[in-house]
């Protein structure tokens, strides 16, 4: 019986759908519910790089910097926005289309998805409580 539990735990730990926090959100403007997923590490780091100007922006115009930040937001949204059945709403190839219509509703969803990320302080507190 113990072996079955280990196998089940292994399956859960290796399941992409079980590896991220999710949150169901009502979008009144769309008259529907969506699911937001905690972002992948690669998308989160890319977003941080773009928005915290960790990249080389000295040669870029203000418009170019804004465009890069907007593109990072769109890629972030594509990564975190799910249907209620947890299927992705967008694929990376949808980036240009989403970029054209990205607005306040999308920005609010990105903000709410960020709230799913465990902060360093929260993680440290949890780690201390485990020991």
Protein backbone atom coordinates (compact mmCIF):
# COMPACT_ATOMS: atom_id res chain seq x y z
CA UNK A 1 0.00 0.00 0.00
CA UNK A 2 2.86 2.37 0.78
CA UNK A 3 4.31 1.85 -2.67
CA UNK A 4 1.04 2.93 -4.30
CA UNK A 5 1.12 6.18 -2.34
CA UNK A 6 4.71 6.85 -3.41
CA UNK A 7 3.80 6.19 -7.00
CA UNK A 8 0.80 8.50 -6.71
CA UNK A 9 2.92 11.22 -5.10
CA UNK A 10 5.49 10.85 -7.87
CA UNK A 11 2.78 11.21 -10.50
CA UNK A 12 1.44 14.30 -8.76
CA UNK A 13 4.88 15.84 -8.44
CA UNK A 14 5.54 15.28 -12.13
CA UNK A 15 2.16 16.57 -13.26
CA UNK A 16 2.31 20.02 -14.88
CA UNK A 17 -1.29 20.71 -13.90
CA UNK A 18 -0.51 20.00 -10.24
CA UNK A 19 2.75 21.96 -10.12
CA UNK A 20 1.35 25.48 -10.16
CA UNK A 21 -1.08 27.36 -7.96
CA UNK A 22 -4.29 28.33 -9.70
CA UNK A 23 -7.10 30.73 -8.95
CA UNK A 24 -10.56 30.99 -10.51
CA UNK A 25 -11.39 34.61 -11.36
CA UNK A 26 -14.60 36.23 -12.54
CA UNK A 27 -14.10 38.62 -15.49
CA UNK A 28 -17.28 40.73 -15.58
CA UNK A 29 -16.27 42.44 -18.83
CA UNK A 30 -16.21 39.05 -20.53
CA UNK A 31 -19.13 37.62 -18.52
CA UNK A 32 -17.18 34.48 -17.70
CA UNK A 33 -14.80 32.85 -15.26
CA UNK A 34 -11.18 32.14 -16.11
CA UNK A 35 -8.40 30.37 -14.27
CA UNK A 36 -5.11 32.08 -13.58
CA UNK A 37 -2.06 29.92 -13.11
CA UNK A 38 1.12 30.76 -11.28
CA UNK A 39 3.64 31.71 -14.00
CA UNK A 40 6.44 29.48 -15.15
CA UNK A 41 9.89 30.39 -13.89
CA UNK A 42 11.13 31.31 -17.37
CA UNK A 43 8.25 33.73 -18.00
CA UNK A 44 8.54 35.23 -14.53
CA UNK A 45 12.29 35.85 -14.93
CA UNK A 46 11.80 37.33 -18.41
CA UNK A 47 9.12 39.66 -17.04
CA UNK A 48 11.39 40.72 -14.17
CA UNK A 49 14.25 41.40 -16.58
CA UNK A 50 12.09 43.59 -18.81
CA UNK A 51 10.28 45.51 -16.08
CA UNK A 52 13.19 46.03 -13.74
CA UNK A 53 15.45 47.13 -16.60
CA UNK A 54 17.95 44.40 -15.87
CA UNK A 55 18.46 44.12 -19.59
CA UNK A 56 20.47 46.58 -21.65
CA UNK A 57 18.04 49.45 -22.30
CA UNK A 58 20.54 52.30 -22.57
CA UNK A 59 20.32 52.29 -26.36
CA UNK A 60 16.52 52.04 -26.48
CA UNK A 61 14.02 54.84 -26.89
CA UNK A 62 11.20 55.26 -24.37
CA UNK A 63 8.81 53.81 -26.96
CA UNK A 64 11.01 50.74 -27.38
CA UNK A 65 11.22 50.20 -23.61
CA UNK A 66 7.43 50.50 -23.30
CA UNK A 67 7.00 48.07 -26.19
CA UNK A 68 9.35 45.53 -24.58
CA UNK A 69 7.50 45.81 -21.27
CA UNK A 70 4.14 45.38 -23.02
CA UNK A 71 5.44 42.34 -24.90
CA UNK A 72 6.63 40.85 -21.61
CA UNK A 73 3.16 41.42 -20.11
CA UNK A 74 1.52 39.74 -23.10
CA UNK A 75 3.85 36.73 -22.90
CA UNK A 76 3.10 36.55 -19.18
CA UNK A 77 -0.67 36.62 -19.85
CA UNK A 78 -0.34 33.90 -22.48
CA UNK A 79 1.49 31.76 -19.92
CA UNK A 80 -1.01 32.19 -17.07
CA UNK A 81 -4.51 32.49 -18.60
CA UNK A 82 -6.41 29.20 -18.65
CA UNK A 83 -9.88 27.98 -19.48
CA UNK A 84 -11.92 26.59 -16.59
CA UNK A 85 -10.86 23.09 -17.69
CA UNK A 86 -7.21 24.26 -17.25
CA UNK A 87 -6.49 24.31 -20.99
CA UNK A 88 -4.43 27.31 -22.11
CA UNK A 89 -6.47 30.10 -23.69
CA UNK A 90 -3.56 31.17 -25.90
CA UNK A 91 -0.44 29.66 -27.42
CA UNK A 92 2.82 31.59 -27.85
CA UNK A 93 2.02 32.09 -31.53
CA UNK A 94 -0.94 34.28 -30.47
CA UNK A 95 1.42 36.95 -29.12
CA UNK A 96 0.98 39.47 -31.97
CA UNK A 97 -2.80 39.15 -31.90
CA UNK A 98 -2.97 39.58 -28.11
CA UNK A 99 -0.53 42.49 -28.30
CA UNK A 100 -2.96 44.39 -30.55
CA UNK A 101 -5.84 44.20 -28.05
CA UNK A 102 -4.03 44.10 -24.69
CA UNK A 103 -5.85 46.40 -22.29
CA UNK A 104 -6.83 47.05 -18.67
CA UNK A 105 -8.71 43.76 -18.23
CA UNK A 106 -5.64 41.84 -19.35
CA UNK A 107 -3.39 43.93 -17.10
CA UNK A 108 -5.61 43.17 -14.08
CA UNK A 109 -5.38 39.46 -14.84
CA UNK A 110 -1.59 39.68 -15.05
CA UNK A 111 -1.55 41.48 -11.69
CA UNK A 112 -3.75 38.80 -10.08
CA UNK A 113 -1.53 36.04 -11.48
CA UNK A 114 1.48 37.72 -9.89
CA UNK A 115 -0.26 37.45 -6.54
CA UNK A 116 -0.07 33.65 -6.89
CA UNK A 117 3.73 33.75 -6.71
CA UNK A 118 5.13 32.93 -3.31
CA UNK A 119 7.38 35.76 -2.25
CA UNK A 120 10.86 35.08 -0.94
CA UNK A 121 9.75 36.17 2.53
CA UNK A 122 6.77 33.81 2.51
CA UNK A 123 8.96 30.94 1.32
CA UNK A 124 11.52 31.62 4.05
CA UNK A 125 8.80 31.70 6.73
CA UNK A 126 7.42 28.38 5.50
CA UNK A 127 10.91 26.90 5.43
CA UNK A 128 11.57 27.97 9.03
CA UNK A 129 8.26 26.45 10.12
CA UNK A 130 9.25 23.12 8.60
CA UNK A 131 12.40 22.82 10.72
